[in-house]
Amino acid sequence: MSSVHEQSADRDPDTIVRPGWLELGVAIVVAVVLYLAAGLITVLLPEDFPVSLGHINFLISGLVPLLAFLAAVAVRLRAFAPFGFRRVDLRWLLLGAGVGFACFLLSWPVSAVFDPFFPGSEGVQQGYRDAASAGALSLIVAVALGGLLTPFGEEVLFRGVLANFLFRWGPWVGVLVSAAIFAVAHGINSVMPLAFVIGLATGLLLRFSDSIWPGILVHVVYNSAGIIYHGVAGS
């Protein structure tokens, strides 16, 4: 009988070992508990807390899904390949970076079309913008947390665990459903359509490259470009 590592190295979609119900269930439970705990902590923080709420939310957005992913890895498979951590050609990485920048440019027309459907949610991202525009050091921290940690954490959970779990029912189920859940997880607000676009892009790259790294690059470039833009524009 071949090991998990050997089976995971096989790129045939029908034979790749993927996370199952146990991994998905553990990831969901851990994520929900940690999100609730983190939300409670942020509510209880004093108004004069020295760290900005934007930075704290960036940290939560990256650390919570990362911990949920690690719990899913540890529960049974104890290997990273079944979650999409596989080597990939440089061309896929370059494509991921290019798609991420294209998504950043598309954020304006997407927002122009969908923002009127979500009145009153214009300030949803304001804390993040404030963190990005509060000076050079604040911007660097915002990029580290929101441009690197958050995309990595969200991708390993929503694509590494969720999309790979859903691929057993076909590529479009994995891509579309994981993108939809990712979008709703950002709240019913003006961010949701943009999150769905990112989810589609990263899901498609995961499906066709069979690696999570191109999608992570999409997310990193998109988030980092947006944070730097708001940091420069708001300074």
C-alpha atoms as a PDB file:
ATOM      1  CA  MET A   1       0.000   0.000   0.000  1.00  0.00           C
ATOM      2  CA  SER A   2       1.385   3.412  -0.948  1.00  0.00           C
ATOM      3  CA  SER A   3       1.780   6.158   1.645  1.00  0.00           C
ATOM      4  CA  VAL A   4      -0.096   9.444   1.779  1.00  0.00           C
ATOM      5  CA  HIS A   5       2.989  11.231   0.479  1.00  0.00           C
ATOM      6  CA  GLU A   6       3.344   8.879  -2.480  1.00  0.00           C
ATOM      7  CA  GLN A   7      -0.306   9.096  -3.393  1.00  0.00           C
ATOM      8  CA  SER A   8      -0.279  12.870  -3.086  1.00  0.00           C
ATOM      9  CA  ALA A   9       2.586  13.106  -5.516  1.00  0.00           C
ATOM     10  CA  ASP A  10       0.401  11.562  -8.212  1.00  0.00           C
ATOM     11  CA  ARG A  11      -1.111  14.430 -10.208  1.00  0.00           C
ATOM     12  CA  ASP A  12      -4.041  12.393 -11.540  1.00  0.00           C
ATOM     13  CA  PRO A  13      -7.156  14.154 -10.112  1.00  0.00           C
ATOM     14  CA  ASP A  14      -8.820  10.792  -9.569  1.00  0.00           C
ATOM     15  CA  THR A  15      -6.030   9.429  -7.375  1.00  0.00           C
ATOM     16  CA  ILE A  16      -4.854  12.490  -5.418  1.00  0.00           C
ATOM     17  CA  VAL A  17      -5.455  12.157  -1.692  1.00  0.00           C
ATOM     18  CA  ARG A  18      -7.601  15.083  -0.579  1.00  0.00           C
ATOM     19  CA  PRO A  19      -8.904  16.277   2.788  1.00  0.00           C
ATOM     20  CA  GLY A  20     -12.127  14.576   3.855  1.00  0.00           C
ATOM     21  CA  TRP A  21     -15.057  15.243   6.157  1.00  0.00           C
ATOM     22  CA  LEU A  22     -12.904  14.902   9.270  1.00  0.00           C
ATOM     23  CA  GLU A  23     -10.394  17.514   8.134  1.00  0.00           C
ATOM     24  CA  LEU A  24     -13.137  19.864   6.979  1.00  0.00           C
ATOM     25  CA  GLY A  25     -15.114  19.472  10.203  1.00  0.00           C
ATOM     26  CA  VAL A  26     -12.099  20.107  12.415  1.00  0.00           C
ATOM     27  CA  ALA A  27     -11.136  23.183  10.377  1.00  0.00           C
ATOM     28  CA  ILE A  28     -14.666  24.625  10.604  1.00  0.00           C
ATOM     29  CA  VAL A  29     -14.948  24.069  14.362  1.00  0.00           C
ATOM     30  CA  VAL A  30     -11.537  25.549  15.095  1.00  0.00           C
ATOM     31  CA  ALA A  31     -12.155  28.530  12.804  1.00  0.00           C
ATOM     32  CA  VAL A  32     -15.575  29.329  14.281  1.00  0.00           C
ATOM     33  CA  VAL A  33     -14.310  29.089  17.879  1.00  0.00           C
ATOM     34  CA  LEU A  34     -11.259  31.238  17.173  1.00  0.00           C
ATOM     35  CA  TYR A  35     -13.209  33.845  15.176  1.00  0.00           C
ATOM     36  CA  LEU A  36     -15.739  34.162  18.003  1.00  0.00           C
ATOM     37  CA  ALA A  37     -12.990  34.425  20.616  1.00  0.00           C
ATOM     38  CA  ALA A  38     -11.078  36.993  18.568  1.00  0.00           C
ATOM     39  CA  GLY A  39     -14.242  39.015  17.953  1.00  0.00           C
ATOM     40  CA  LEU A  40     -14.985  39.075  21.675  1.00  0.00           C
ATOM     41  CA  ILE A  41     -11.439  40.215  22.450  1.00  0.00           C
ATOM     42  CA  THR A  42     -11.603  43.077  19.943  1.00  0.00           C
ATOM     43  CA  VAL A  43     -14.912  44.267  21.415  1.00  0.00           C
ATOM     44  CA  LEU A  44     -13.373  44.324  24.908  1.00  0.00           C
ATOM     45  CA  LEU A  45     -10.247  46.242  23.888  1.00  0.00           C
ATOM     46  CA  PRO A  46     -10.010  49.729  25.425  1.00  0.00           C
ATOM     47  CA  GLU A  47     -10.330  52.701  23.101  1.00  0.00           C
ATOM     48  CA  ASP A  48      -6.746  53.779  23.856  1.00  0.00           C
ATOM     49  CA  PHE A  49      -5.284  50.369  22.969  1.00  0.00           C
ATOM     50  CA  PRO A  50      -1.871  51.092  21.355  1.00  0.00           C
ATOM     51  CA  VAL A  51      -2.385  48.776  18.344  1.00  0.00           C
ATOM     52  CA  SER A  52      -4.811  49.925  15.657  1.00  0.00           C
ATOM     53  CA  LEU A  53      -7.973  47.915  15.071  1.00  0.00           C
ATOM     54  CA  GLY A  54      -7.031  47.564  11.409  1.00  0.00           C
ATOM     55  CA  HIS A  55      -3.787  45.778  12.279  1.00  0.00           C
ATOM     56  CA  ILE A  56      -5.576  43.579  14.808  1.00  0.00           C
ATOM     57  CA  ASN A  57      -8.200  42.585  12.237  1.00  0.00           C
ATOM     58  CA  PHE A  58      -5.479  41.842   9.681  1.00  0.00           C
ATOM     59  CA  LEU A  59      -3.799  39.572  12.253  1.00  0.00           C
ATOM     60  CA  ILE A  60      -7.078  37.786  13.019  1.00  0.00           C
ATOM     61  CA  SER A  61      -7.893  37.385   9.320  1.00  0.00           C
ATOM     62  CA  GLY A  62      -4.601  35.598   8.735  1.00  0.00           C
ATOM     63  CA  LEU A  63      -3.900  33.768  11.971  1.00  0.00           C
ATOM     64  CA  VAL A  64      -7.332  32.206  12.584  1.00  0.00           C
ATOM     65  CA  PRO A  65      -7.651  30.392   9.223  1.00  0.00           C
ATOM     66  CA  LEU A  66      -3.995  29.376   9.406  1.00  0.00           C
ATOM     67  CA  LEU A  67      -4.533  27.732  12.800  1.00  0.00           C
ATOM     68  CA  ALA A  68      -7.724  26.062  11.530  1.00  0.00           C
ATOM     69  CA  PHE A  69      -5.758  24.703   8.564  1.00  0.00           C
ATOM     70  CA  LEU A  70      -2.969  23.376  10.786  1.00  0.00           C
ATOM     71  CA  ALA A  71      -5.574  21.626  12.951  1.00  0.00           C
ATOM     72  CA  ALA A  72      -6.998  19.977   9.818  1.00  0.00           C
ATOM     73  CA  VAL A  73      -3.527  18.844   8.747  1.00  0.00           C
ATOM     74  CA  ALA A  74      -2.735  17.394  12.173  1.00  0.00           C
ATOM     75  CA  VAL A  75      -5.969  15.469  12.677  1.00  0.00           C
ATOM     76  CA  ARG A  76      -5.286  12.599  10.265  1.00  0.00           C
ATOM     77  CA  LEU A  77      -3.347  13.126   7.034  1.00  0.00           C
ATOM     78  CA  ARG A  78      -0.353  14.834   8.685  1.00  0.00           C
ATOM     79  CA  ALA A  79       0.991  15.909   5.287  1.00  0.00           C
ATOM     80  CA  PHE A  80       0.753  19.153   3.330  1.00  0.00           C
ATOM     81  CA  ALA A  81       0.571  17.760  -0.226  1.00  0.00           C
ATOM     82  CA  PRO A  82      -3.108  16.703   0.036  1.00  0.00           C
ATOM     83  CA  PHE A  83      -3.925  20.363   0.733  1.00  0.00           C
ATOM     84  CA  GLY A  84      -2.242  21.641  -2.424  1.00  0.00           C
ATOM     85  CA  PHE A  85       1.320  22.216  -1.227  1.00  0.00           C
ATOM     86  CA  ARG A  86       3.042  20.915  -4.335  1.00  0.00           C
ATOM     87  CA  ARG A  87       5.871  22.271  -6.430  1.00  0.00           C
ATOM     88  CA  VAL A  88       4.787  24.102  -9.541  1.00  0.00           C
ATOM     89  CA  ASP A  89       6.443  25.560 -12.638  1.00  0.00           C
ATOM     90  CA  LEU A  90       7.554  29.191 -12.539  1.00  0.00           C
ATOM     91  CA  ARG A  91       5.059  30.071 -15.264  1.00  0.00           C
ATOM     92  CA  TRP A  92       2.173  29.296 -12.896  1.00  0.00           C
ATOM     93  CA  LEU A  93       3.652  31.586 -10.252  1.00  0.00           C
ATOM     94  CA  LEU A  94       4.087  34.382 -12.780  1.00  0.00           C
ATOM     95  CA  LEU A  95       0.529  33.828 -13.960  1.00  0.00           C
ATOM     96  CA  GLY A  96      -0.687  34.012 -10.367  1.00  0.00           C
ATOM     97  CA  ALA A  97       1.090  37.323  -9.805  1.00  0.00           C
ATOM     98  CA  GLY A  98      -0.325  38.707 -13.055  1.00  0.00           C
ATOM     99  CA  VAL A  99      -3.860  37.568 -12.244  1.00  0.00           C
ATOM    100  CA  GLY A 100      -3.557  39.154  -8.800  1.00  0.00           C
ATOM    101  CA  PHE A 101      -2.659  42.522 -10.305  1.00  0.00           C
ATOM    102  CA  ALA A 102      -5.435  42.177 -12.887  1.00  0.00           C
ATOM    103  CA  CYS A 103      -7.914  41.530 -10.044  1.00  0.00           C
ATOM    104  CA  PHE A 104      -6.631  44.662  -8.314  1.00  0.00           C
ATOM    105  CA  LEU A 105      -7.331  46.711 -11.460  1.00  0.00           C
ATOM    106  CA  LEU A 106     -10.760  45.071 -11.786  1.00  0.00           C
ATOM    107  CA  SER A 107     -11.685  46.060  -8.233  1.00  0.00           C
ATOM    108  CA  TRP A 108     -12.791  49.512  -9.380  1.00  0.00           C
ATOM    109  CA  PRO A 109     -15.272  48.422 -12.089  1.00  0.00           C
ATOM    110  CA  VAL A 110     -16.528  45.546  -9.894  1.00  0.00           C
ATOM    111  CA  SER A 111     -17.099  47.954  -7.011  1.00  0.00           C
ATOM    112  CA  ALA A 112     -18.805  50.462  -9.310  1.00  0.00           C
ATOM    113  CA  VAL A 113     -21.281  47.805 -10.433  1.00  0.00           C
ATOM    114  CA  PHE A 114     -22.040  46.130  -7.103  1.00  0.00           C
ATOM    115  CA  ASP A 115     -21.576  48.813  -4.420  1.00  0.00           C
ATOM    116  CA  PRO A 116     -25.073  50.294  -5.029  1.00  0.00           C
ATOM    117  CA  PHE A 117     -26.536  46.922  -3.978  1.00  0.00           C
ATOM    118  CA  PHE A 118     -24.930  47.246  -0.530  1.00  0.00           C
ATOM    119  CA  PRO A 119     -25.834  50.709   0.775  1.00  0.00           C
ATOM    120  CA  GLY A 120     -24.300  51.677   4.079  1.00  0.00           C
ATOM    121  CA  SER A 121     -21.332  49.307   3.850  1.00  0.00           C
ATOM    122  CA  GLU A 122     -18.852  51.807   2.417  1.00  0.00           C
ATOM    123  CA  GLY A 123     -16.887  51.931   5.654  1.00  0.00           C
ATOM    124  CA  VAL A 124     -16.397  48.175   6.043  1.00  0.00           C
ATOM    125  CA  GLN A 125     -12.728  48.441   5.030  1.00  0.00           C
ATOM    126  CA  GLN A 126     -12.054  51.787   6.672  1.00  0.00           C
ATOM    127  CA  GLY A 127     -10.089  50.313   9.576  1.00  0.00           C
ATOM    128  CA  TYR A 128      -7.745  48.609   7.136  1.00  0.00           C
ATOM    129  CA  ARG A 129      -7.310  51.822   5.138  1.00  0.00           C
ATOM    130  CA  ASP A 130      -6.563  53.762   8.308  1.00  0.00           C
ATOM    131  CA  ALA A 131      -3.893  51.227   9.273  1.00  0.00           C
ATOM    132  CA  ALA A 132      -2.319  51.512   5.818  1.00  0.00           C
ATOM    133  CA  SER A 133      -2.261  55.326   5.796  1.00  0.00           C
ATOM    134  CA  ALA A 134      -1.001  56.002   9.344  1.00  0.00           C
ATOM    135  CA  GLY A 135       2.648  56.341   8.380  1.00  0.00           C
ATOM    136  CA  ALA A 136       5.474  54.279   6.898  1.00  0.00           C
ATOM    137  CA  LEU A 137       5.828  51.831   9.796  1.00  0.00           C
ATOM    138  CA  SER A 138       2.082  51.301   9.990  1.00  0.00           C
ATOM    139  CA  LEU A 139       1.993  50.637   6.245  1.00  0.00           C
ATOM    140  CA  ILE A 140       4.823  48.089   6.485  1.00  0.00           C
ATOM    141  CA  VAL A 141       3.019  46.241   9.278  1.00  0.00           C
ATOM    142  CA  ALA A 142      -0.237  46.381   7.296  1.00  0.00           C
ATOM    143  CA  VAL A 143       1.440  44.838   4.248  1.00  0.00           C
ATOM    144  CA  ALA A 144       3.082  42.125   6.375  1.00  0.00           C
ATOM    145  CA  LEU A 145      -0.195  41.214   8.080  1.00  0.00           C
ATOM    146  CA  GLY A 146      -2.779  42.012   5.408  1.00  0.00           C
ATOM    147  CA  GLY A 147      -0.687  41.496   2.296  1.00  0.00           C
ATOM    148  CA  LEU A 148       1.157  38.339   3.310  1.00  0.00           C
ATOM    149  CA  LEU A 149      -0.274  36.628   6.406  1.00  0.00           C
ATOM    150  CA  THR A 150      -3.970  37.152   5.600  1.00  0.00           C
ATOM    151  CA  PRO A 151      -3.781  35.839   2.002  1.00  0.00           C
ATOM    152  CA  PHE A 152      -1.728  32.844   3.105  1.00  0.00           C
ATOM    153  CA  GLY A 153      -4.068  31.988   5.971  1.00  0.00           C
ATOM    154  CA  GLU A 154      -7.240  32.419   3.940  1.00  0.00           C
ATOM    155  CA  GLU A 155      -5.957  30.441   0.967  1.00  0.00           C
ATOM    156  CA  VAL A 156      -4.775  27.439   2.969  1.00  0.00           C
ATOM    157  CA  LEU A 157      -8.193  27.224   4.618  1.00  0.00           C
ATOM    158  CA  PHE A 158     -10.595  28.101   1.793  1.00  0.00           C
ATOM    159  CA  ARG A 159      -8.645  26.531  -1.052  1.00  0.00           C
ATOM    160  CA  GLY A 160      -6.289  24.136   0.727  1.00  0.00           C
ATOM    161  CA  VAL A 161      -9.006  22.528   2.845  1.00  0.00           C
ATOM    162  CA  LEU A 162     -12.388  23.544   1.446  1.00  0.00           C
ATOM    163  CA  ALA A 163     -11.816  23.603  -2.329  1.00  0.00           C
ATOM    164  CA  ASN A 164      -9.708  20.435  -2.260  1.00  0.00           C
ATOM    165  CA  PHE A 165     -12.443  18.734  -0.244  1.00  0.00           C
ATOM    166  CA  LEU A 166     -15.105  19.836  -2.770  1.00  0.00           C
ATOM    167  CA  PHE A 167     -13.125  18.747  -5.851  1.00  0.00           C
ATOM    168  CA  ARG A 168     -14.301  15.180  -5.229  1.00  0.00           C
ATOM    169  CA  TRP A 169     -17.648  16.333  -6.740  1.00  0.00           C
ATOM    170  CA  GLY A 170     -16.053  17.940  -9.774  1.00  0.00           C
ATOM    171  CA  PRO A 171     -13.862  20.944 -10.575  1.00  0.00           C
ATOM    172  CA  TRP A 172     -16.667  23.477 -10.878  1.00  0.00           C
ATOM    173  CA  VAL A 173     -18.193  22.471  -7.561  1.00  0.00           C
ATOM    174  CA  GLY A 174     -14.819  22.981  -5.919  1.00  0.00           C
ATOM    175  CA  VAL A 175     -14.144  26.325  -7.590  1.00  0.00           C
ATOM    176  CA  LEU A 176     -17.604  27.907  -7.434  1.00  0.00           C
ATOM    177  CA  VAL A 177     -18.750  26.696  -4.025  1.00  0.00           C
ATOM    178  CA  SER A 178     -15.477  27.523  -2.295  1.00  0.00           C
ATOM    179  CA  ALA A 179     -15.485  30.978  -3.922  1.00  0.00           C
ATOM    180  CA  ALA A 180     -19.086  31.567  -2.813  1.00  0.00           C
ATOM    181  CA  ILE A 181     -18.380  30.508   0.780  1.00  0.00           C
ATOM    182  CA  PHE A 182     -15.228  32.625   0.804  1.00  0.00           C
ATOM    183  CA  ALA A 183     -17.240  35.628  -0.376  1.00  0.00           C
ATOM    184  CA  VAL A 184     -20.012  35.181   2.203  1.00  0.00           C
ATOM    185  CA  ALA A 185     -17.383  34.729   4.933  1.00  0.00           C
ATOM    186  CA  HIS A 186     -16.382  38.352   4.294  1.00  0.00           C
ATOM    187  CA  GLY A 187     -19.909  39.464   5.214  1.00  0.00           C
ATOM    188  CA  ILE A 188     -22.947  40.569   3.218  1.00  0.00           C
ATOM    189  CA  ASN A 189     -21.452  43.868   2.165  1.00  0.00           C
ATOM    190  CA  SER A 190     -19.620  45.611  -0.667  1.00  0.00           C
ATOM    191  CA  VAL A 191     -16.540  43.407  -0.166  1.00  0.00           C
ATOM    192  CA  MET A 192     -18.411  40.215  -1.049  1.00  0.00           C
ATOM    193  CA  PRO A 193     -18.321  40.539  -4.888  1.00  0.00           C
ATOM    194  CA  LEU A 194     -14.591  41.285  -4.846  1.00  0.00           C
ATOM    195  CA  ALA A 195     -13.971  38.317  -2.558  1.00  0.00           C
ATOM    196  CA  PHE A 196     -15.918  36.105  -4.972  1.00  0.00           C
ATOM    197  CA  VAL A 197     -13.716  37.241  -7.874  1.00  0.00           C
ATOM    198  CA  ILE A 198     -10.564  36.444  -5.884  1.00  0.00           C
ATOM    199  CA  GLY A 199     -12.049  33.090  -4.877  1.00  0.00           C
ATOM    200  CA  LEU A 200     -12.766  32.215  -8.502  1.00  0.00           C
ATOM    201  CA  ALA A 201      -9.266  33.184  -9.633  1.00  0.00           C
ATOM    202  CA  THR A 202      -7.467  31.275  -6.889  1.00  0.00           C
ATOM    203  CA  GLY A 203      -9.762  28.271  -7.201  1.00  0.00           C
ATOM    204  CA  LEU A 204      -9.205  27.995 -10.934  1.00  0.00           C
ATOM    205  CA  LEU A 205      -5.448  28.225 -10.539  1.00  0.00           C
ATOM    206  CA  LEU A 206      -5.525  25.551  -7.852  1.00  0.00           C
ATOM    207  CA  ARG A 207      -7.570  23.266 -10.092  1.00  0.00           C
ATOM    208  CA  PHE A 208      -5.436  23.659 -13.217  1.00  0.00           C
ATOM    209  CA  SER A 209      -1.983  23.858 -11.607  1.00  0.00           C
ATOM    210  CA  ASP A 210      -2.842  21.374  -8.820  1.00  0.00           C
ATOM    211  CA  SER A 211      -0.869  23.613  -6.466  1.00  0.00           C
ATOM    212  CA  ILE A 212      -1.958  26.196  -3.930  1.00  0.00           C
ATOM    213  CA  TRP A 213       1.012  28.501  -4.549  1.00  0.00           C
ATOM    214  CA  PRO A 214      -0.267  30.345  -7.671  1.00  0.00           C
ATOM    215  CA  GLY A 215      -3.521  31.183  -5.876  1.00  0.00           C
ATOM    216  CA  ILE A 216      -1.625  32.409  -2.835  1.00  0.00           C
ATOM    217  CA  LEU A 217       0.315  34.733  -5.136  1.00  0.00           C
ATOM    218  CA  VAL A 218      -2.944  36.051  -6.624  1.00  0.00           C
ATOM    219  CA  HIS A 219      -4.182  36.893  -3.155  1.00  0.00           C
ATOM    220  CA  VAL A 220      -0.854  38.348  -1.966  1.00  0.00           C
ATOM    221  CA  VAL A 221      -0.501  40.654  -4.972  1.00  0.00           C
ATOM    222  CA  TYR A 222      -4.149  41.743  -4.808  1.00  0.00           C
ATOM    223  CA  ASN A 223      -4.111  42.511  -1.087  1.00  0.00           C
ATOM    224  CA  SER A 224      -0.657  44.095  -1.075  1.00  0.00           C
ATOM    225  CA  ALA A 225      -1.430  46.317  -4.054  1.00  0.00           C
ATOM    226  CA  GLY A 226      -4.637  47.509  -2.421  1.00  0.00           C
ATOM    227  CA  ILE A 227      -2.969  48.208   0.929  1.00  0.00           C
ATOM    228  CA  ILE A 228      -0.086  50.105  -0.694  1.00  0.00           C
ATOM    229  CA  TYR A 229      -2.506  52.063  -2.869  1.00  0.00           C
ATOM    230  CA  HIS A 230      -4.586  53.172   0.108  1.00  0.00           C
ATOM    231  CA  GLY A 231      -1.462  53.843   2.127  1.00  0.00           C
ATOM    232  CA  VAL A 232      -0.044  56.171  -0.531  1.00  0.00           C
ATOM    233  CA  ALA A 233      -3.386  57.760  -1.446  1.00  0.00           C
ATOM    234  CA  GLY A 234      -4.347  58.381   2.181  1.00  0.00           C
ATOM    235  CA  SER A 235      -1.028  59.793   3.335  1.00  0.00           C
END
